[in-house]
């Protein structure tokens, strides 16, 4: 007995077109095959609209959504892949922020107005509990993160902090520090300094996570047969980013001095109520 193919021949052609970055061919195939527009196009459960976000082409994305009957477009935009990601989660990875604008504009037009069902795609969490803003921070997509945050502020969509937590004990700041996206971490701290004082499930603040990273990076690099000047070219940008993050976490807080080994390192406000000593690596980063 022959096995039933998972994908039709037309779907295979669409897969090949997307893989080869032939987006006009992809669009034509899917427009001619409307009944498969929302069916799985790959083993990750992505449909043609999810895949179209990879094109970085706002017009193509808009055209594909508008192929669907108007009454079915909102449900299509809310449709999840196997990870629970909607179209807006996938847009996070786009370089062109206008991709998000296409989604926002269509959402404003199509979103049900009933209070019982009205919920923005920005609030939609995937299976890991991640909203699009959290994903943008975790993956270092600062440009898209800022753009989405601006949309939230412009449309009075509530406290931005609710979009920046995967759980009560995991903030976007923790995630960006763990992934070493320090440009994102610095921006988050400057936007909301209270994030710097939040603790994760292991009761660590972002600075406690940060204090372990430069030292580990130097040790890993120096264990290889790499000239010292190459090591420092790699490490210095990281240390400078760490320094800015430390400054962001401490500035604007209660007055005080950050000390290490009995010496005044800098004059940030120390927010630790117990006046505990600053971790060695963090202190060294601040001094440089």
C-alpha atoms as a PDB file:
ATOM      1  CA  UNK A   1       0.000   0.000   0.000  1.00  0.00           C
ATOM      2  CA  UNK A   2       1.457   3.363  -1.063  1.00  0.00           C
ATOM      3  CA  UNK A   3       1.932   6.015   1.594  1.00  0.00           C
ATOM      4  CA  UNK A   4      -0.223   9.106   1.332  1.00  0.00           C
ATOM      5  CA  UNK A   5       2.032  12.147   0.696  1.00  0.00           C
ATOM      6  CA  UNK A   6       1.981  14.744   3.448  1.00  0.00           C
ATOM      7  CA  UNK A   7       2.092  17.660   1.002  1.00  0.00           C
ATOM      8  CA  UNK A   8       0.430  18.045  -2.384  1.00  0.00           C
ATOM      9  CA  UNK A   9       2.496  18.732  -5.513  1.00  0.00           C
ATOM     10  CA  UNK A  10       1.436  22.387  -5.470  1.00  0.00           C
ATOM     11  CA  UNK A  11       2.489  22.718  -1.843  1.00  0.00           C
ATOM     12  CA  UNK A  12       5.864  21.202  -2.703  1.00  0.00           C
ATOM     13  CA  UNK A  13       6.291  23.781  -5.455  1.00  0.00           C
ATOM     14  CA  UNK A  14       5.465  26.541  -2.961  1.00  0.00           C
ATOM     15  CA  UNK A  15       8.009  25.106  -0.497  1.00  0.00           C
ATOM     16  CA  UNK A  16      10.701  25.122  -3.184  1.00  0.00           C
ATOM     17  CA  UNK A  17       9.869  28.687  -4.217  1.00  0.00           C
ATOM     18  CA  UNK A  18      10.088  29.938  -0.593  1.00  0.00           C
ATOM     19  CA  UNK A  19      13.343  28.063   0.013  1.00  0.00           C
ATOM     20  CA  UNK A  20      14.831  29.565  -3.161  1.00  0.00           C
ATOM     21  CA  UNK A  21      13.597  33.053  -2.155  1.00  0.00           C
ATOM     22  CA  UNK A  22      11.439  33.260  -5.277  1.00  0.00           C
ATOM     23  CA  UNK A  23       8.638  35.142  -3.559  1.00  0.00           C
ATOM     24  CA  UNK A  24       6.706  36.176  -6.659  1.00  0.00           C
ATOM     25  CA  UNK A  25       6.484  32.518  -7.668  1.00  0.00           C
ATOM     26  CA  UNK A  26       5.436  31.634  -4.132  1.00  0.00           C
ATOM     27  CA  UNK A  27       2.697  34.265  -4.196  1.00  0.00           C
ATOM     28  CA  UNK A  28       1.379  33.093  -7.568  1.00  0.00           C
ATOM     29  CA  UNK A  29       1.278  29.446  -6.469  1.00  0.00           C
ATOM     30  CA  UNK A  30      -0.615  30.229  -3.274  1.00  0.00           C
ATOM     31  CA  UNK A  31      -3.041  32.635  -4.967  1.00  0.00           C
ATOM     32  CA  UNK A  32      -3.903  29.871  -7.426  1.00  0.00           C
ATOM     33  CA  UNK A  33      -4.277  27.369  -4.594  1.00  0.00           C
ATOM     34  CA  UNK A  34      -6.458  29.276  -2.107  1.00  0.00           C
ATOM     35  CA  UNK A  35      -7.887  26.185  -0.448  1.00  0.00           C
ATOM     36  CA  UNK A  36      -4.393  25.317   0.833  1.00  0.00           C
ATOM     37  CA  UNK A  37      -3.476  28.823   1.964  1.00  0.00           C
ATOM     38  CA  UNK A  38      -3.962  28.001   5.655  1.00  0.00           C
ATOM     39  CA  UNK A  39      -2.814  24.392   5.552  1.00  0.00           C
ATOM     40  CA  UNK A  40       0.568  23.283   6.846  1.00  0.00           C
ATOM     41  CA  UNK A  41       3.368  24.165   4.478  1.00  0.00           C
ATOM     42  CA  UNK A  42       6.100  22.544   6.570  1.00  0.00           C
ATOM     43  CA  UNK A  43       6.538  20.160   9.493  1.00  0.00           C
ATOM     44  CA  UNK A  44       6.590  23.083  11.957  1.00  0.00           C
ATOM     45  CA  UNK A  45       2.946  23.805  11.242  1.00  0.00           C
ATOM     46  CA  UNK A  46       3.599  27.053   9.384  1.00  0.00           C
ATOM     47  CA  UNK A  47       1.041  27.984   6.748  1.00  0.00           C
ATOM     48  CA  UNK A  48       1.643  30.204   3.708  1.00  0.00           C
ATOM     49  CA  UNK A  49       0.993  33.383   5.709  1.00  0.00           C
ATOM     50  CA  UNK A  50       3.544  32.418   8.375  1.00  0.00           C
ATOM     51  CA  UNK A  51       6.066  31.623   5.645  1.00  0.00           C
ATOM     52  CA  UNK A  52       5.345  34.900   3.803  1.00  0.00           C
ATOM     53  CA  UNK A  53       6.742  36.856   6.765  1.00  0.00           C
ATOM     54  CA  UNK A  54      10.199  35.606   5.754  1.00  0.00           C
ATOM     55  CA  UNK A  55       9.942  37.555   2.516  1.00  0.00           C
ATOM     56  CA  UNK A  56      10.371  40.871   4.372  1.00  0.00           C
ATOM     57  CA  UNK A  57       7.903  42.197   1.785  1.00  0.00           C
ATOM     58  CA  UNK A  58       4.905  44.009   3.344  1.00  0.00           C
ATOM     59  CA  UNK A  59       2.942  44.102   0.083  1.00  0.00           C
ATOM     60  CA  UNK A  60       3.281  40.367  -0.481  1.00  0.00           C
ATOM     61  CA  UNK A  61       2.101  39.621   3.057  1.00  0.00           C
ATOM     62  CA  UNK A  62      -0.879  41.946   2.691  1.00  0.00           C
ATOM     63  CA  UNK A  63      -1.861  40.482  -0.675  1.00  0.00           C
ATOM     64  CA  UNK A  64      -1.792  36.912   0.605  1.00  0.00           C
ATOM     65  CA  UNK A  65      -3.987  37.743   3.600  1.00  0.00           C
ATOM     66  CA  UNK A  66      -6.416  39.612   1.362  1.00  0.00           C
ATOM     67  CA  UNK A  67      -6.765  36.554  -0.881  1.00  0.00           C
ATOM     68  CA  UNK A  68      -8.908  35.111   1.919  1.00  0.00           C
ATOM     69  CA  UNK A  69     -12.570  36.096   2.336  1.00  0.00           C
ATOM     70  CA  UNK A  70     -12.784  39.119   4.617  1.00  0.00           C
ATOM     71  CA  UNK A  71     -14.739  37.246   7.286  1.00  0.00           C
ATOM     72  CA  UNK A  72     -11.931  34.688   7.612  1.00  0.00           C
ATOM     73  CA  UNK A  73      -8.926  37.009   7.675  1.00  0.00           C
ATOM     74  CA  UNK A  74      -8.828  37.722  11.393  1.00  0.00           C
ATOM     75  CA  UNK A  75      -8.967  34.003  12.254  1.00  0.00           C
ATOM     76  CA  UNK A  76      -6.167  33.428   9.746  1.00  0.00           C
ATOM     77  CA  UNK A  77      -3.992  36.069  11.421  1.00  0.00           C
ATOM     78  CA  UNK A  78      -4.596  34.421  14.810  1.00  0.00           C
ATOM     79  CA  UNK A  79      -3.777  30.953  13.506  1.00  0.00           C
ATOM     80  CA  UNK A  80      -0.864  29.309  15.333  1.00  0.00           C
ATOM     81  CA  UNK A  81       1.926  27.058  14.163  1.00  0.00           C
ATOM     82  CA  UNK A  82       3.123  24.106  16.239  1.00  0.00           C
ATOM     83  CA  UNK A  83       5.038  26.435  18.584  1.00  0.00           C
ATOM     84  CA  UNK A  84       1.927  28.513  19.155  1.00  0.00           C
ATOM     85  CA  UNK A  85       3.288  31.430  17.137  1.00  0.00           C
ATOM     86  CA  UNK A  86       0.888  33.702  15.275  1.00  0.00           C
ATOM     87  CA  UNK A  87       1.830  35.805  12.284  1.00  0.00           C
ATOM     88  CA  UNK A  88       3.013  38.618  14.605  1.00  0.00           C
ATOM     89  CA  UNK A  89       5.406  36.301  16.444  1.00  0.00           C
ATOM     90  CA  UNK A  90       6.949  35.435  13.073  1.00  0.00           C
ATOM     91  CA  UNK A  91       7.125  39.107  12.021  1.00  0.00           C
ATOM     92  CA  UNK A  92       9.501  39.678  14.963  1.00  0.00           C
ATOM     93  CA  UNK A  93      12.325  38.233  12.838  1.00  0.00           C
ATOM     94  CA  UNK A  94      11.778  40.673   9.942  1.00  0.00           C
ATOM     95  CA  UNK A  95      14.217  43.506   9.295  1.00  0.00           C
ATOM     96  CA  UNK A  96      11.484  45.675   7.789  1.00  0.00           C
ATOM     97  CA  UNK A  97       9.272  47.098  10.569  1.00  0.00           C
ATOM     98  CA  UNK A  98       6.573  47.805   7.984  1.00  0.00           C
ATOM     99  CA  UNK A  99       5.813  44.089   8.153  1.00  0.00           C
ATOM    100  CA  UNK A 100       4.454  44.736  11.645  1.00  0.00           C
ATOM    101  CA  UNK A 101       2.505  47.743  10.349  1.00  0.00           C
ATOM    102  CA  UNK A 102       0.689  45.505   7.849  1.00  0.00           C
ATOM    103  CA  UNK A 103      -0.447  43.305  10.744  1.00  0.00           C
ATOM    104  CA  UNK A 104      -1.401  46.274  12.930  1.00  0.00           C
ATOM    105  CA  UNK A 105      -3.410  47.935  10.142  1.00  0.00           C
ATOM    106  CA  UNK A 106      -5.287  44.741   9.313  1.00  0.00           C
ATOM    107  CA  UNK A 107      -5.875  44.086  13.002  1.00  0.00           C
ATOM    108  CA  UNK A 108      -7.441  47.522  13.421  1.00  0.00           C
ATOM    109  CA  UNK A 109      -9.709  46.814  10.445  1.00  0.00           C
ATOM    110  CA  UNK A 110     -10.642  43.210  11.215  1.00  0.00           C
ATOM    111  CA  UNK A 111     -10.419  42.691  14.965  1.00  0.00           C
ATOM    112  CA  UNK A 112     -13.782  41.848  16.616  1.00  0.00           C
ATOM    113  CA  UNK A 113     -14.985  44.721  18.773  1.00  0.00           C
ATOM    114  CA  UNK A 114     -16.780  42.594  21.339  1.00  0.00           C
ATOM    115  CA  UNK A 115     -15.029  42.995  24.746  1.00  0.00           C
ATOM    116  CA  UNK A 116     -15.308  39.226  25.278  1.00  0.00           C
ATOM    117  CA  UNK A 117     -13.172  38.386  22.241  1.00  0.00           C
ATOM    118  CA  UNK A 118     -11.215  41.578  21.604  1.00  0.00           C
ATOM    119  CA  UNK A 119      -7.543  40.800  22.157  1.00  0.00           C
ATOM    120  CA  UNK A 120      -4.564  42.199  20.319  1.00  0.00           C
ATOM    121  CA  UNK A 121      -2.044  39.915  18.658  1.00  0.00           C
ATOM    122  CA  UNK A 122       0.555  41.717  20.786  1.00  0.00           C
ATOM    123  CA  UNK A 123      -1.006  40.039  23.817  1.00  0.00           C
ATOM    124  CA  UNK A 124      -1.120  36.587  22.270  1.00  0.00           C
ATOM    125  CA  UNK A 125       1.322  34.167  23.918  1.00  0.00           C
ATOM    126  CA  UNK A 126       2.805  31.109  22.275  1.00  0.00           C
ATOM    127  CA  UNK A 127       3.144  27.701  23.935  1.00  0.00           C
ATOM    128  CA  UNK A 128       6.134  28.924  25.952  1.00  0.00           C
ATOM    129  CA  UNK A 129       4.157  31.898  27.244  1.00  0.00           C
ATOM    130  CA  UNK A 130       6.013  34.405  25.065  1.00  0.00           C
ATOM    131  CA  UNK A 131       4.295  37.463  23.597  1.00  0.00           C
ATOM    132  CA  UNK A 132       5.825  39.032  20.459  1.00  0.00           C
ATOM    133  CA  UNK A 133       7.638  41.768  22.427  1.00  0.00           C
ATOM    134  CA  UNK A 134       9.252  39.196  24.695  1.00  0.00           C
ATOM    135  CA  UNK A 135      10.388  37.232  21.642  1.00  0.00           C
ATOM    136  CA  UNK A 136      11.841  40.365  20.054  1.00  0.00           C
ATOM    137  CA  UNK A 137      13.887  41.071  23.187  1.00  0.00           C
ATOM    138  CA  UNK A 138      15.011  37.467  23.613  1.00  0.00           C
ATOM    139  CA  UNK A 139      16.232  37.242  20.010  1.00  0.00           C
ATOM    140  CA  UNK A 140      17.909  40.660  19.978  1.00  0.00           C
ATOM    141  CA  UNK A 141      15.519  42.317  17.522  1.00  0.00           C
ATOM    142  CA  UNK A 142      15.864  45.815  18.962  1.00  0.00           C
ATOM    143  CA  UNK A 143      14.514  47.702  15.939  1.00  0.00           C
ATOM    144  CA  UNK A 144      11.315  45.644  15.892  1.00  0.00           C
ATOM    145  CA  UNK A 145      11.039  45.758  19.694  1.00  0.00           C
ATOM    146  CA  UNK A 146      11.133  49.570  19.673  1.00  0.00           C
ATOM    147  CA  UNK A 147       8.608  49.731  16.853  1.00  0.00           C
ATOM    148  CA  UNK A 148       6.133  47.467  18.626  1.00  0.00           C
ATOM    149  CA  UNK A 149       6.622  49.331  21.907  1.00  0.00           C
ATOM    150  CA  UNK A 150       5.902  52.613  20.131  1.00  0.00           C
ATOM    151  CA  UNK A 151       2.681  51.129  18.738  1.00  0.00           C
ATOM    152  CA  UNK A 152       1.593  50.106  22.250  1.00  0.00           C
ATOM    153  CA  UNK A 153       2.233  53.613  23.600  1.00  0.00           C
ATOM    154  CA  UNK A 154       0.576  55.352  20.659  1.00  0.00           C
ATOM    155  CA  UNK A 155      -2.608  53.302  20.969  1.00  0.00           C
ATOM    156  CA  UNK A 156      -2.785  53.365  24.785  1.00  0.00           C
ATOM    157  CA  UNK A 157      -2.641  49.590  25.052  1.00  0.00           C
ATOM    158  CA  UNK A 158      -1.770  49.528  28.732  1.00  0.00           C
ATOM    159  CA  UNK A 159       1.369  48.915  30.755  1.00  0.00           C
ATOM    160  CA  UNK A 160       4.131  47.676  28.465  1.00  0.00           C
ATOM    161  CA  UNK A 161       5.499  45.500  31.279  1.00  0.00           C
ATOM    162  CA  UNK A 162       2.745  42.929  30.747  1.00  0.00           C
ATOM    163  CA  UNK A 163       4.130  42.269  27.253  1.00  0.00           C
ATOM    164  CA  UNK A 164       7.677  41.764  28.536  1.00  0.00           C
ATOM    165  CA  UNK A 165       7.307  38.749  30.811  1.00  0.00           C
ATOM    166  CA  UNK A 166       7.188  35.073  29.955  1.00  0.00           C
ATOM    167  CA  UNK A 167       6.108  34.372  33.509  1.00  0.00           C
ATOM    168  CA  UNK A 168       6.152  36.164  36.830  1.00  0.00           C
ATOM    169  CA  UNK A 169       9.791  35.105  37.250  1.00  0.00           C
ATOM    170  CA  UNK A 170      11.140  35.634  33.728  1.00  0.00           C
ATOM    171  CA  UNK A 171      11.393  39.097  32.224  1.00  0.00           C
ATOM    172  CA  UNK A 172      12.561  40.119  28.778  1.00  0.00           C
ATOM    173  CA  UNK A 173      15.562  41.740  30.469  1.00  0.00           C
ATOM    174  CA  UNK A 174      16.688  38.413  31.924  1.00  0.00           C
ATOM    175  CA  UNK A 175      16.184  36.749  28.541  1.00  0.00           C
ATOM    176  CA  UNK A 176      18.178  39.407  26.656  1.00  0.00           C
ATOM    177  CA  UNK A 177      21.068  39.221  29.157  1.00  0.00           C
ATOM    178  CA  UNK A 178      21.180  35.412  28.993  1.00  0.00           C
ATOM    179  CA  UNK A 179      21.327  35.589  25.196  1.00  0.00           C
ATOM    180  CA  UNK A 180      23.897  38.444  25.455  1.00  0.00           C
ATOM    181  CA  UNK A 181      21.817  40.921  23.469  1.00  0.00           C
ATOM    182  CA  UNK A 182      23.131  43.836  25.511  1.00  0.00           C
ATOM    183  CA  UNK A 183      21.827  46.565  23.204  1.00  0.00           C
ATOM    184  CA  UNK A 184      18.333  45.271  23.954  1.00  0.00           C
ATOM    185  CA  UNK A 185      19.068  44.943  27.672  1.00  0.00           C
ATOM    186  CA  UNK A 186      20.373  48.520  27.872  1.00  0.00           C
ATOM    187  CA  UNK A 187      17.281  49.848  26.095  1.00  0.00           C
ATOM    188  CA  UNK A 188      14.951  47.903  28.409  1.00  0.00           C
ATOM    189  CA  UNK A 189      16.682  49.210  31.537  1.00  0.00           C
ATOM    190  CA  UNK A 190      16.580  52.796  30.299  1.00  0.00           C
ATOM    191  CA  UNK A 191      12.898  52.406  29.486  1.00  0.00           C
ATOM    192  CA  UNK A 192      11.995  50.882  32.867  1.00  0.00           C
ATOM    193  CA  UNK A 193      14.617  50.755  35.622  1.00  0.00           C
ATOM    194  CA  UNK A 194      12.381  48.587  37.793  1.00  0.00           C
ATOM    195  CA  UNK A 195      13.140  45.678  35.468  1.00  0.00           C
ATOM    196  CA  UNK A 196      16.723  45.716  36.756  1.00  0.00           C
ATOM    197  CA  UNK A 197      15.547  44.787  40.256  1.00  0.00           C
ATOM    198  CA  UNK A 198      13.354  41.860  39.234  1.00  0.00           C
ATOM    199  CA  UNK A 199      14.568  38.365  40.083  1.00  0.00           C
ATOM    200  CA  UNK A 200      14.206  35.185  38.069  1.00  0.00           C
ATOM    201  CA  UNK A 201      13.185  31.741  39.333  1.00  0.00           C
ATOM    202  CA  UNK A 202      16.676  31.321  40.826  1.00  0.00           C
ATOM    203  CA  UNK A 203      16.333  34.656  42.645  1.00  0.00           C
ATOM    204  CA  UNK A 204      18.933  36.311  40.417  1.00  0.00           C
ATOM    205  CA  UNK A 205      18.728  39.861  39.086  1.00  0.00           C
ATOM    206  CA  UNK A 206      20.031  40.643  35.615  1.00  0.00           C
ATOM    207  CA  UNK A 207      23.275  41.992  37.107  1.00  0.00           C
ATOM    208  CA  UNK A 208      23.859  38.757  38.981  1.00  0.00           C
ATOM    209  CA  UNK A 209      23.486  36.926  35.685  1.00  0.00           C
ATOM    210  CA  UNK A 210      25.720  39.462  33.980  1.00  0.00           C
ATOM    211  CA  UNK A 211      28.509  39.176  36.567  1.00  0.00           C
ATOM    212  CA  UNK A 212      29.343  35.647  35.407  1.00  0.00           C
ATOM    213  CA  UNK A 213      29.454  36.277  31.683  1.00  0.00           C
ATOM    214  CA  UNK A 214      32.603  38.317  30.836  1.00  0.00           C
ATOM    215  CA  UNK A 215      34.813  36.120  32.981  1.00  0.00           C
ATOM    216  CA  UNK A 216      33.466  32.980  31.333  1.00  0.00           C
ATOM    217  CA  UNK A 217      33.933  34.511  27.883  1.00  0.00           C
ATOM    218  CA  UNK A 218      37.563  35.442  28.586  1.00  0.00           C
ATOM    219  CA  UNK A 219      38.366  32.011  29.968  1.00  0.00           C
ATOM    220  CA  UNK A 220      36.810  30.269  26.977  1.00  0.00           C
ATOM    221  CA  UNK A 221      38.667  32.500  24.532  1.00  0.00           C
ATOM    222  CA  UNK A 222      42.020  32.278  26.289  1.00  0.00           C
ATOM    223  CA  UNK A 223      41.810  28.472  26.404  1.00  0.00           C
ATOM    224  CA  UNK A 224      42.188  28.532  22.623  1.00  0.00           C
ATOM    225  CA  UNK A 225      45.452  29.265  20.829  1.00  0.00           C
ATOM    226  CA  UNK A 226      44.333  32.795  19.933  1.00  0.00           C
ATOM    227  CA  UNK A 227      46.615  35.864  20.175  1.00  0.00           C
ATOM    228  CA  UNK A 228      45.741  38.092  23.136  1.00  0.00           C
ATOM    229  CA  UNK A 229      44.964  41.082  20.904  1.00  0.00           C
ATOM    230  CA  UNK A 230      42.336  39.009  19.075  1.00  0.00           C
ATOM    231  CA  UNK A 231      40.791  37.965  22.393  1.00  0.00           C
ATOM    232  CA  UNK A 232      40.487  41.591  23.525  1.00  0.00           C
ATOM    233  CA  UNK A 233      39.022  42.701  20.207  1.00  0.00           C
ATOM    234  CA  UNK A 234      36.271  40.180  20.840  1.00  0.00           C
ATOM    235  CA  UNK A 235      35.823  40.853  24.546  1.00  0.00           C
ATOM    236  CA  UNK A 236      36.048  44.665  24.683  1.00  0.00           C
ATOM    237  CA  UNK A 237      32.730  45.361  22.908  1.00  0.00           C
ATOM    238  CA  UNK A 238      31.080  42.920  25.301  1.00  0.00           C
ATOM    239  CA  UNK A 239      32.645  44.629  28.320  1.00  0.00           C
ATOM    240  CA  UNK A 240      31.637  48.072  27.086  1.00  0.00           C
ATOM    241  CA  UNK A 241      28.064  46.865  26.603  1.00  0.00           C
ATOM    242  CA  UNK A 242      28.134  45.351  30.098  1.00  0.00           C
ATOM    243  CA  UNK A 243      29.400  48.644  31.500  1.00  0.00           C
ATOM    244  CA  UNK A 244      26.499  50.538  29.919  1.00  0.00           C
ATOM    245  CA  UNK A 245      24.041  48.001  31.277  1.00  0.00           C
ATOM    246  CA  UNK A 246      25.459  48.320  34.797  1.00  0.00           C
ATOM    247  CA  UNK A 247      25.207  52.109  34.551  1.00  0.00           C
ATOM    248  CA  UNK A 248      21.630  51.833  33.353  1.00  0.00           C
ATOM    249  CA  UNK A 249      20.707  49.557  36.240  1.00  0.00           C
ATOM    250  CA  UNK A 250      22.170  51.822  38.909  1.00  0.00           C
ATOM    251  CA  UNK A 251      21.648  55.378  37.697  1.00  0.00           C
ATOM    252  CA  UNK A 252      18.599  57.258  38.854  1.00  0.00           C
ATOM    253  CA  UNK A 253      18.276  55.187  42.015  1.00  0.00           C
ATOM    254  CA  UNK A 254      18.968  56.048  45.643  1.00  0.00           C
ATOM    255  CA  UNK A 255      22.182  57.978  46.262  1.00  0.00           C
ATOM    256  CA  UNK A 256      25.225  55.966  47.271  1.00  0.00           C
ATOM    257  CA  UNK A 257      28.550  54.590  46.145  1.00  0.00           C
ATOM    258  CA  UNK A 258      29.356  51.268  44.576  1.00  0.00           C
ATOM    259  CA  UNK A 259      32.469  49.909  46.276  1.00  0.00           C
ATOM    260  CA  UNK A 260      34.732  46.989  45.700  1.00  0.00           C
ATOM    261  CA  UNK A 261      37.764  46.016  47.803  1.00  0.00           C
ATOM    262  CA  UNK A 262      37.292  49.186  49.842  1.00  0.00           C
ATOM    263  CA  UNK A 263      37.561  51.494  46.828  1.00  0.00           C
ATOM    264  CA  UNK A 264      34.875  53.689  45.324  1.00  0.00           C
ATOM    265  CA  UNK A 265      34.303  52.329  41.852  1.00  0.00           C
ATOM    266  CA  UNK A 266      31.705  54.822  40.727  1.00  0.00           C
ATOM    267  CA  UNK A 267      28.943  56.952  42.199  1.00  0.00           C
ATOM    268  CA  UNK A 268      25.813  55.247  40.992  1.00  0.00           C
ATOM    269  CA  UNK A 269      22.932  54.911  43.388  1.00  0.00           C
ATOM    270  CA  UNK A 270      23.171  51.460  44.961  1.00  0.00           C
ATOM    271  CA  UNK A 271      19.655  50.016  45.063  1.00  0.00           C
ATOM    272  CA  UNK A 272      20.532  46.944  47.099  1.00  0.00           C
ATOM    273  CA  UNK A 273      19.004  47.587  50.513  1.00  0.00           C
ATOM    274  CA  UNK A 274      21.625  45.372  52.183  1.00  0.00           C
ATOM    275  CA  UNK A 275      24.479  47.386  50.616  1.00  0.00           C
ATOM    276  CA  UNK A 276      26.011  44.089  49.489  1.00  0.00           C
ATOM    277  CA  UNK A 277      29.288  44.046  47.609  1.00  0.00           C
ATOM    278  CA  UNK A 278      29.183  44.351  43.848  1.00  0.00           C
ATOM    279  CA  UNK A 279      30.343  41.149  42.088  1.00  0.00           C
ATOM    280  CA  UNK A 280      33.997  41.333  41.034  1.00  0.00           C
ATOM    281  CA  UNK A 281      33.472  41.089  37.266  1.00  0.00           C
ATOM    282  CA  UNK A 282      30.756  43.730  37.295  1.00  0.00           C
ATOM    283  CA  UNK A 283      32.957  46.064  39.327  1.00  0.00           C
ATOM    284  CA  UNK A 284      35.834  45.618  36.888  1.00  0.00           C
ATOM    285  CA  UNK A 285      33.556  46.345  33.967  1.00  0.00           C
ATOM    286  CA  UNK A 286      32.376  49.562  35.597  1.00  0.00           C
ATOM    287  CA  UNK A 287      35.909  50.772  36.225  1.00  0.00           C
ATOM    288  CA  UNK A 288      37.278  50.292  32.700  1.00  0.00           C
END
